[in-house]
Amino acid sequence: MKTKFKNIIIGTIFFFSAFIAAEESSKKVYVIPIQDVIDLGIPGLVNRGIDLAESNNADLILFDIDTFGGRVDAATQIKDAIASTEIETIAFINRRAISAGSLISLSCDQIYMTEGATIGATSVVDMSGSKQSEKSQSYMREEMAATAEKSGKNPEIARGMVDEELSFEFLIVEGDTLTVTDIEGRKEGKLITLTTELALKYGIADGKSENVEELLKSLNIEDYQITVVDENWSENVVRILTNPTVSSLLTTFGTIGVISELYSAGWGIGGTIGIISLTLALGAGYLTQLASATDLLIVFFGLAMLFIEFVAIPGFGLFGITGIVVLFYGLYLLLIPDIPVGPEVYSEAMDGFSWAIVVGIFGIIFLLRIIGKSTFFQKLINTDSNKTTLKKNYKNRSKVE
């Protein structure tokens, strides 16, 4: 009986030892999707995914990329996050890595592309598609070159993805000098965009695979555990709140709501909506690094001036005017990305902010007119009027008696 019990214990220990050994030999692969428009919500997903991979001792982080680009400041944050991890990283370009997507791809240790994929066309443009100033182009041009150099890629090709004024006839790839005749962007006036085959030929891509499983097999990884890091609800909310239109409307309604309290007795619904709107806008901006500590201090200083005017000083004077100016300036700064930009970006931010204020004012007037015609509001007004009339009648009656 004792021998049988002993054999059971030994068998159990052997089973668990074999299971643990198998788990340890299995490679841990984390997949982080970077899809669609690159906005300020994506860096949060990437940072969380990298933290999870590091805390679970992952062997590889694979970025599944399919994007036409987006915000340069968001792409820069993602690039910095990728560069900071010690875990091996691979960009799997699943169809395209255009514009900001190419910067993210170049920041990884290796690049794999599907058949017929593309990478490049990274010139900095505004929302209308117009090319931005040389200051912005110069920053992006050298950012791309430095990122390519760090990962062992050709910096001249990286620069050519940004600046169509560059041209070259020869490239050094893995120590060999190649005559370039098949890259359209080698000519002045053309941006570089590489197909999968050209990216492989000139050392920008390290391999070609049609899916993640095929990619891992090409790396001789047969036994692996894949963990896909998807967006959570909070990251989705941040993406919505940092949308330029939503962000502008939040700051506008917030500002108008707070200012409206200066013209009303006590604290009302306008002030409440204003505080909630500003909290959402500033909170999302701070979480995505769009709002710096200085920006927040300027906004809070403006709010403090308005609060002093509202609480301590009757009427509307110097403190109120100063508070409005400072507050609007702080909210305008929230629209400026934390990268070198030219005057057209400041002009674009001012235009967007101005339009948001105009739309916000008309929106509030429209809502107030609708509310004013509602049955509930009319009853509320009539009830208040009746109460006032009763109070006056009671006072007059008391005086007569």
Protein backbone atom coordinates (compact mmCIF):
# COMPACT_ATOMS: atom_id res chain seq x y z
CA MET A 1 0.00 0.00 0.00
CA LYS A 2 2.84 2.32 0.91
CA THR A 3 4.67 1.46 -2.31
CA LYS A 4 1.55 2.20 -4.37
CA PHE A 5 1.04 5.56 -2.62
CA LYS A 6 4.72 6.39 -3.15
CA ASN A 7 4.44 5.63 -6.88
CA ILE A 8 1.39 7.90 -7.16
CA ILE A 9 3.32 10.78 -5.55
CA ILE A 10 6.33 10.22 -7.80
CA GLY A 11 4.10 10.08 -10.87
CA THR A 12 2.34 13.31 -9.89
CA ILE A 13 5.64 15.09 -9.33
CA PHE A 14 6.94 13.84 -12.68
CA PHE A 15 3.77 15.00 -14.46
CA PHE A 16 3.93 18.52 -13.02
CA SER A 17 7.69 18.74 -13.65
CA ALA A 18 7.16 17.80 -17.29
CA PHE A 19 4.29 20.31 -17.56
CA ILE A 20 6.40 23.13 -16.06
CA ALA A 21 9.35 22.23 -18.32
CA ALA A 22 7.08 22.37 -21.36
CA GLU A 23 5.72 25.74 -20.26
CA GLU A 24 9.22 27.11 -19.77
CA SER A 25 10.40 25.91 -23.20
CA SER A 26 7.36 27.47 -24.90
CA LYS A 27 8.04 30.96 -26.25
CA LYS A 28 5.78 33.74 -24.99
CA VAL A 29 4.71 35.97 -27.86
CA TYR A 30 2.66 39.13 -27.33
CA VAL A 31 0.80 40.59 -30.32
CA ILE A 32 -0.17 44.28 -30.19
CA PRO A 33 -2.36 45.50 -33.08
CA ILE A 34 -1.75 48.98 -34.51
CA GLN A 35 -4.64 49.40 -36.90
CA ASP A 36 -6.44 52.22 -38.70
CA VAL A 37 -5.67 55.84 -37.77
CA ILE A 38 -2.81 56.40 -35.33
CA ASP A 39 -4.26 58.73 -32.74
CA LEU A 40 -3.43 59.59 -29.13
CA GLY A 41 -5.25 56.52 -27.83
CA ILE A 42 -2.82 54.05 -29.47
CA PRO A 43 0.24 54.90 -27.29
CA GLY A 44 -1.72 53.86 -24.19
CA LEU A 45 -2.45 50.46 -25.75
CA VAL A 46 1.19 50.00 -26.77
CA ASN A 47 2.55 50.99 -23.35
CA ARG A 48 0.13 48.65 -21.58
CA GLY A 49 0.99 45.80 -23.95
CA ILE A 50 4.73 46.28 -23.44
CA ASP A 51 4.27 46.42 -19.65
CA LEU A 52 2.28 43.17 -19.74
CA ALA A 53 4.92 41.50 -21.89
CA GLU A 54 7.73 42.62 -19.57
CA SER A 55 5.92 41.58 -16.40
CA ASN A 56 5.28 38.10 -17.88
CA ASN A 57 8.84 37.68 -19.17
CA ALA A 58 7.79 37.52 -22.82
CA ASP A 59 10.29 36.44 -25.47
CA LEU A 60 8.89 38.49 -28.35
CA ILE A 61 6.54 41.42 -28.98
CA LEU A 62 4.96 41.50 -32.41
CA PHE A 63 3.21 44.66 -33.68
CA ASP A 64 0.50 43.85 -36.23
CA ILE A 65 0.53 47.03 -38.35
CA ASP A 66 -2.00 48.12 -40.95
CA THR A 67 -2.35 51.90 -41.09
CA PHE A 68 -2.31 54.89 -43.43
CA GLY A 69 -0.75 56.94 -40.61
CA GLY A 70 -2.01 59.61 -38.26
CA ARG A 71 -0.61 61.93 -35.60
CA VAL A 72 3.16 62.35 -35.57
CA ASP A 73 3.25 62.99 -31.81
CA ALA A 74 1.36 59.74 -31.18
CA ALA A 75 3.75 57.82 -33.45
CA THR A 76 6.73 59.36 -31.64
CA GLN A 77 5.36 58.22 -28.28
CA ILE A 78 4.91 54.70 -29.67
CA LYS A 79 8.44 54.72 -31.11
CA ASP A 80 9.90 55.75 -27.75
CA ALA A 81 7.95 53.02 -25.95
CA ILE A 82 9.22 50.36 -28.36
CA ALA A 83 12.80 51.61 -28.10
CA SER A 84 12.69 51.45 -24.29
CA THR A 85 11.94 47.72 -23.99
CA GLU A 86 14.61 45.03 -23.78
CA ILE A 87 12.31 42.43 -25.37
CA GLU A 88 12.84 41.66 -29.06
CA THR A 89 10.31 43.50 -31.22
CA ILE A 90 9.03 42.76 -34.74
CA ALA A 91 6.87 44.95 -36.96
CA PHE A 92 4.53 42.73 -38.97
CA ILE A 93 3.30 45.00 -41.77
CA ASN A 94 0.00 43.39 -42.57
CA ARG A 95 -0.70 45.25 -45.85
CA ARG A 96 0.59 48.79 -45.18
CA ALA A 97 2.68 51.03 -42.90
CA ILE A 98 2.22 54.46 -44.43
CA SER A 99 3.31 57.81 -42.97
CA ALA A 100 3.53 57.55 -39.16
CA GLY A 101 3.21 53.78 -39.51
CA SER A 102 6.63 53.63 -41.17
CA LEU A 103 8.28 55.39 -38.19
CA ILE A 104 6.75 52.83 -35.84
CA SER A 105 7.88 49.95 -38.08
CA LEU A 106 11.46 51.22 -38.30
CA SER A 107 11.67 51.45 -34.49
CA CYS A 108 11.32 47.65 -34.20
CA ASP A 109 14.27 45.25 -34.26
CA GLN A 110 12.95 43.50 -37.38
CA ILE A 111 10.34 44.15 -40.07
CA TYR A 112 8.30 41.45 -41.80
CA MET A 113 5.81 42.24 -44.57
CA THR A 114 3.00 40.40 -46.31
CA GLU A 115 3.02 39.96 -50.07
CA GLY A 116 2.02 43.22 -51.77
CA ALA A 117 2.50 45.37 -48.65
CA THR A 118 3.91 48.92 -48.66
CA ILE A 119 5.96 51.14 -46.35
CA GLY A 120 6.88 54.84 -46.67
CA ALA A 121 5.34 58.17 -47.76
CA THR A 122 6.08 59.84 -44.42
CA SER A 123 6.02 63.53 -45.32
CA VAL A 124 4.37 65.65 -42.60
CA VAL A 125 1.04 67.11 -43.75
CA ASP A 126 -1.84 68.95 -42.11
CA MET A 127 -5.48 67.80 -41.95
CA SER A 128 -6.14 69.10 -45.47
CA GLY A 129 -3.20 67.14 -46.89
CA SER A 130 -0.95 70.16 -47.46
CA LYS A 131 2.76 69.78 -46.73
CA GLN A 132 3.89 71.45 -43.52
CA SER A 133 6.87 73.73 -42.98
CA GLU A 134 10.54 72.81 -43.32
CA LYS A 135 10.83 72.86 -39.53
CA SER A 136 8.34 70.00 -39.26
CA GLN A 137 9.86 68.17 -42.25
CA SER A 138 13.39 68.49 -40.86
CA TYR A 139 12.33 67.02 -37.53
CA MET A 140 10.58 64.07 -39.14
CA ARG A 141 13.36 63.51 -41.69
CA GLU A 142 16.05 63.12 -39.04
CA GLU A 143 13.73 61.27 -36.66
CA MET A 144 13.21 58.66 -39.37
CA ALA A 145 16.93 58.50 -40.20
CA ALA A 146 17.99 58.10 -36.57
CA THR A 147 15.35 55.41 -35.99
CA ALA A 148 16.47 53.52 -39.10
CA GLU A 149 20.13 53.69 -38.08
CA LYS A 150 19.34 52.33 -34.61
CA SER A 151 17.62 49.27 -36.08
CA GLY A 152 20.30 48.74 -38.75
CA LYS A 153 18.29 50.08 -41.70
CA ASN A 154 19.40 52.47 -44.43
CA PRO A 155 18.96 56.10 -43.26
CA GLU A 156 18.97 57.51 -46.81
CA ILE A 157 15.86 55.54 -47.71
CA ALA A 158 14.26 56.67 -44.44
CA ARG A 159 15.01 60.32 -45.24
CA GLY A 160 13.64 59.86 -48.77
CA MET A 161 10.34 58.66 -47.31
CA VAL A 162 9.94 62.14 -45.77
CA ASP A 163 11.56 64.57 -48.21
CA GLU A 164 10.85 64.43 -51.96
CA GLU A 165 13.64 66.94 -52.62
CA LEU A 166 16.31 64.33 -51.90
CA SER A 167 17.77 62.16 -54.65
CA PHE A 168 20.40 59.41 -54.92
CA GLU A 169 21.76 56.90 -57.42
CA PHE A 170 23.65 54.50 -55.13
CA LEU A 171 22.93 52.87 -51.78
CA ILE A 172 25.14 50.85 -49.44
CA VAL A 173 23.26 47.75 -48.30
CA GLU A 174 25.01 45.27 -46.00
CA GLY A 175 28.40 46.59 -47.11
CA ASP A 176 27.66 46.39 -50.83
CA THR A 177 27.15 49.43 -53.07
CA LEU A 178 24.02 49.04 -55.19
CA THR A 179 22.96 51.10 -58.18
CA VAL A 180 19.38 52.14 -57.59
CA THR A 181 17.10 52.20 -60.63
CA ASP A 182 13.86 50.67 -59.38
CA ILE A 183 12.89 53.04 -56.56
CA GLU A 184 10.67 55.78 -57.93
CA GLY A 185 11.42 58.01 -54.94
CA ARG A 186 15.16 58.07 -55.70
CA LYS A 187 14.37 60.99 -58.06
CA GLU A 188 13.94 64.54 -56.85
CA GLY A 189 10.27 65.42 -56.51
CA LYS A 190 9.19 61.89 -55.52
CA LEU A 191 8.62 60.44 -52.05
CA ILE A 192 9.86 56.92 -51.38
CA THR A 193 7.29 54.18 -50.87
CA LEU A 194 8.61 50.61 -50.98
CA THR A 195 6.78 47.44 -51.92
CA THR A 196 7.56 44.23 -50.06
CA GLU A 197 10.07 43.08 -52.70
CA LEU A 198 11.90 46.42 -52.78
CA ALA A 199 11.95 46.61 -48.98
CA LEU A 200 13.56 43.16 -48.89
CA LYS A 201 16.04 44.04 -51.63
CA TYR A 202 17.28 47.21 -49.92
CA GLY A 203 17.34 45.86 -46.39
CA ILE A 204 14.35 47.72 -44.96
CA ALA A 205 12.40 44.48 -44.43
CA ASP A 206 13.93 41.34 -42.92
CA GLY A 207 11.45 38.81 -44.20
CA LYS A 208 8.11 38.04 -45.84
CA SER A 209 5.20 36.22 -44.17
CA GLU A 210 1.46 36.06 -44.76
CA ASN A 211 0.41 35.56 -41.13
CA VAL A 212 1.77 35.46 -37.60
CA GLU A 213 2.12 31.68 -37.51
CA GLU A 214 4.18 31.67 -40.71
CA LEU A 215 6.33 34.50 -39.36
CA LEU A 216 7.10 32.60 -36.14
CA LYS A 217 7.91 29.46 -38.12
CA SER A 218 10.42 31.44 -40.23
CA LEU A 219 12.10 32.43 -36.95
CA ASN A 220 12.33 28.72 -36.00
CA ILE A 221 9.83 29.20 -33.20
CA GLU A 222 7.73 26.02 -33.20
CA ASP A 223 6.41 25.97 -29.63
CA TYR A 224 4.82 29.24 -28.56
CA GLN A 225 2.00 30.90 -26.63
CA ILE A 226 0.35 33.90 -28.31
CA THR A 227 -1.28 36.62 -26.23
CA VAL A 228 -3.14 39.31 -28.18
CA VAL A 229 -3.39 42.67 -26.38
CA ASP A 230 -6.66 44.30 -27.45
CA GLU A 231 -7.92 47.76 -26.62
CA ASN A 232 -9.87 48.04 -23.37
CA TRP A 233 -12.82 50.33 -22.71
CA SER A 234 -10.74 53.10 -21.12
CA GLU A 235 -8.42 53.31 -24.15
CA ASN A 236 -11.46 53.48 -26.44
CA VAL A 237 -12.85 56.34 -24.34
CA VAL A 238 -9.53 58.20 -24.49
CA ARG A 239 -9.47 57.82 -28.29
CA ILE A 240 -12.94 59.37 -28.49
CA LEU A 241 -12.12 62.21 -26.10
CA THR A 242 -8.88 63.10 -27.92
CA ASN A 243 -10.59 63.23 -31.30
CA PRO A 244 -9.98 66.84 -32.49
CA THR A 245 -13.69 67.58 -32.95
CA VAL A 246 -14.75 66.09 -29.61
CA SER A 247 -11.84 67.71 -27.78
CA SER A 248 -12.61 71.16 -29.22
CA LEU A 249 -16.31 70.86 -28.34
CA LEU A 250 -15.52 69.72 -24.80
CA THR A 251 -13.22 72.67 -24.18
CA THR A 252 -15.74 75.05 -25.73
CA PHE A 253 -18.72 73.82 -23.71
CA GLY A 254 -16.52 73.74 -20.63
CA THR A 255 -15.39 77.32 -21.04
CA ILE A 256 -18.84 78.69 -21.89
CA GLY A 257 -20.41 76.72 -19.04
CA VAL A 258 -18.01 78.12 -16.45
CA ILE A 259 -18.30 81.68 -17.78
CA SER A 260 -22.11 81.45 -17.75
CA GLU A 261 -21.98 81.08 -13.98
CA LEU A 262 -20.66 84.63 -13.73
CA TYR A 263 -24.05 85.84 -14.94
CA SER A 264 -26.25 83.65 -12.78
CA ALA A 265 -27.05 83.55 -9.11
CA GLY A 266 -25.65 80.53 -7.29
CA TRP A 267 -24.29 77.44 -8.99
CA GLY A 268 -26.34 75.97 -11.82
CA ILE A 269 -26.40 73.36 -14.51
CA GLY A 270 -24.17 75.44 -16.83
CA GLY A 271 -21.29 75.43 -14.37
CA THR A 272 -21.69 71.71 -13.71
CA ILE A 273 -21.60 70.87 -17.42
CA GLY A 274 -18.62 73.21 -17.82
CA ILE A 275 -16.58 71.57 -15.05
CA ILE A 276 -17.37 68.05 -16.32
CA SER A 277 -16.44 69.00 -19.90
CA LEU A 278 -13.15 70.62 -18.87
CA THR A 279 -12.28 67.69 -16.61
CA LEU A 280 -12.81 65.22 -19.46
CA ALA A 281 -10.82 67.31 -21.94
CA LEU A 282 -7.92 68.04 -19.59
CA GLY A 283 -7.85 64.53 -18.15
CA ALA A 284 -7.69 62.90 -21.58
CA GLY A 285 -5.06 65.41 -22.71
CA TYR A 286 -2.87 64.74 -19.68
CA LEU A 287 -3.16 60.95 -20.01
CA THR A 288 -2.09 61.08 -23.66
CA GLN A 289 0.74 63.58 -22.98
CA LEU A 290 -1.01 66.14 -25.17
CA ALA A 291 -1.36 68.44 -22.14
CA SER A 292 1.84 69.23 -20.27
CA ALA A 293 1.99 70.31 -16.63
CA THR A 294 2.53 73.90 -17.81
CA ASP A 295 -0.61 73.79 -19.97
CA LEU A 296 -2.65 72.53 -17.03
CA LEU A 297 -1.26 75.23 -14.71
CA ILE A 298 -2.26 77.93 -17.22
CA VAL A 299 -5.81 76.52 -17.46
CA PHE A 300 -6.17 76.20 -13.68
CA PHE A 301 -4.83 79.74 -13.19
CA GLY A 302 -7.50 81.04 -15.56
CA LEU A 303 -10.19 79.08 -13.70
CA ALA A 304 -8.88 80.43 -10.38
CA MET A 305 -9.18 84.02 -11.66
CA LEU A 306 -12.77 83.35 -12.73
CA PHE A 307 -13.52 81.75 -9.37
CA ILE A 308 -12.20 84.82 -7.54
CA GLU A 309 -14.36 87.04 -9.74
CA PHE A 310 -17.36 84.81 -9.15
CA VAL A 311 -17.02 84.48 -5.36
CA ALA A 312 -15.17 87.48 -3.98
CA ILE A 313 -15.70 90.42 -6.34
CA PRO A 314 -19.14 91.64 -7.41
CA GLY A 315 -19.76 92.41 -11.06
CA PHE A 316 -17.37 91.52 -13.88
CA GLY A 317 -14.00 93.24 -14.03
CA LEU A 318 -10.25 92.74 -14.32
CA PHE A 319 -10.13 89.27 -12.72
CA GLY A 320 -12.91 87.96 -14.93
CA ILE A 321 -11.43 89.31 -18.17
CA THR A 322 -7.95 88.06 -17.25
CA GLY A 323 -9.35 84.65 -16.31
CA ILE A 324 -11.14 84.27 -19.66
CA VAL A 325 -8.04 85.30 -21.67
CA VAL A 326 -5.72 82.98 -19.71
CA LEU A 327 -8.21 80.10 -19.82
CA PHE A 328 -8.70 80.38 -23.59
CA TYR A 329 -4.94 80.57 -24.12
CA GLY A 330 -4.39 77.43 -22.04
CA LEU A 331 -7.09 75.53 -23.94
CA TYR A 332 -5.57 76.66 -27.24
CA LEU A 333 -2.17 75.26 -26.16
CA LEU A 334 -3.79 71.86 -25.68
CA LEU A 335 -4.26 71.66 -29.46
CA ILE A 336 -0.52 72.09 -30.20
CA PRO A 337 1.40 68.78 -30.43
CA ASP A 338 4.54 68.29 -28.36
CA ILE A 339 6.87 68.17 -31.39
CA PRO A 340 8.57 70.88 -33.47
CA VAL A 341 5.90 72.46 -35.68
CA GLY A 342 5.67 75.33 -38.10
CA PRO A 343 3.38 78.39 -38.09
CA GLU A 344 0.70 76.60 -40.13
CA VAL A 345 0.05 74.22 -37.22
CA TYR A 346 -0.55 77.13 -34.84
CA SER A 347 -2.82 78.73 -37.43
CA GLU A 348 -4.71 75.47 -37.92
CA ALA A 349 -5.13 75.07 -34.15
CA MET A 350 -6.41 78.64 -33.83
CA ASP A 351 -8.88 78.15 -36.70
CA GLY A 352 -10.19 74.92 -35.17
CA PHE A 353 -10.48 76.47 -31.72
CA SER A 354 -12.27 79.55 -33.07
CA TRP A 355 -14.75 77.46 -35.02
CA ALA A 356 -15.34 75.26 -31.99
CA ILE A 357 -16.18 78.33 -29.88
CA VAL A 358 -18.59 79.68 -32.51
CA VAL A 359 -20.29 76.30 -32.93
CA GLY A 360 -20.40 75.84 -29.16
CA ILE A 361 -22.07 79.21 -28.58
CA PHE A 362 -24.70 78.59 -31.25
CA GLY A 363 -25.20 75.09 -29.88
CA ILE A 364 -25.85 76.36 -26.38
CA ILE A 365 -28.27 79.04 -27.67
CA PHE A 366 -30.10 76.39 -29.68
CA LEU A 367 -30.35 74.05 -26.68
CA LEU A 368 -31.58 76.83 -24.41
CA ARG A 369 -34.32 77.72 -26.91
CA ILE A 370 -35.45 74.10 -27.09
CA ILE A 371 -35.38 73.76 -23.31
CA GLY A 372 -37.17 77.09 -22.94
CA LYS A 373 -40.08 75.81 -25.07
CA SER A 374 -40.37 72.52 -23.22
CA THR A 375 -43.49 71.86 -21.08
CA PHE A 376 -41.39 71.04 -18.01
CA PHE A 377 -39.46 74.31 -18.23
CA GLN A 378 -42.66 76.35 -18.74
CA LYS A 379 -44.22 74.70 -15.70
CA LEU A 380 -41.08 75.46 -13.71
CA ILE A 381 -41.21 79.13 -14.74
CA ASN A 382 -44.92 79.39 -13.99
CA THR A 383 -44.43 77.76 -10.60
CA ASP A 384 -41.63 80.17 -9.73
CA SER A 385 -43.73 83.14 -10.92
CA ASN A 386 -46.72 82.02 -8.80
CA LYS A 387 -44.47 81.67 -5.76
CA THR A 388 -43.11 85.18 -6.29
CA THR A 389 -46.61 86.63 -6.68
CA LEU A 390 -47.83 84.88 -3.51
CA LYS A 391 -44.86 86.23 -1.56
CA LYS A 392 -45.54 89.78 -2.74
CA ASN A 393 -49.26 89.51 -1.92
CA TYR A 394 -48.45 88.16 1.52
CA LYS A 395 -46.05 91.03 2.22
CA ASN A 396 -48.57 93.65 1.04
CA ARG A 397 -51.29 92.04 3.16
CA SER A 398 -49.04 92.09 6.19
CA LYS A 399 -48.32 95.81 5.70
CA VAL A 400 -52.09 96.65 5.49
CA GLU A 401 -52.90 94.70 8.60
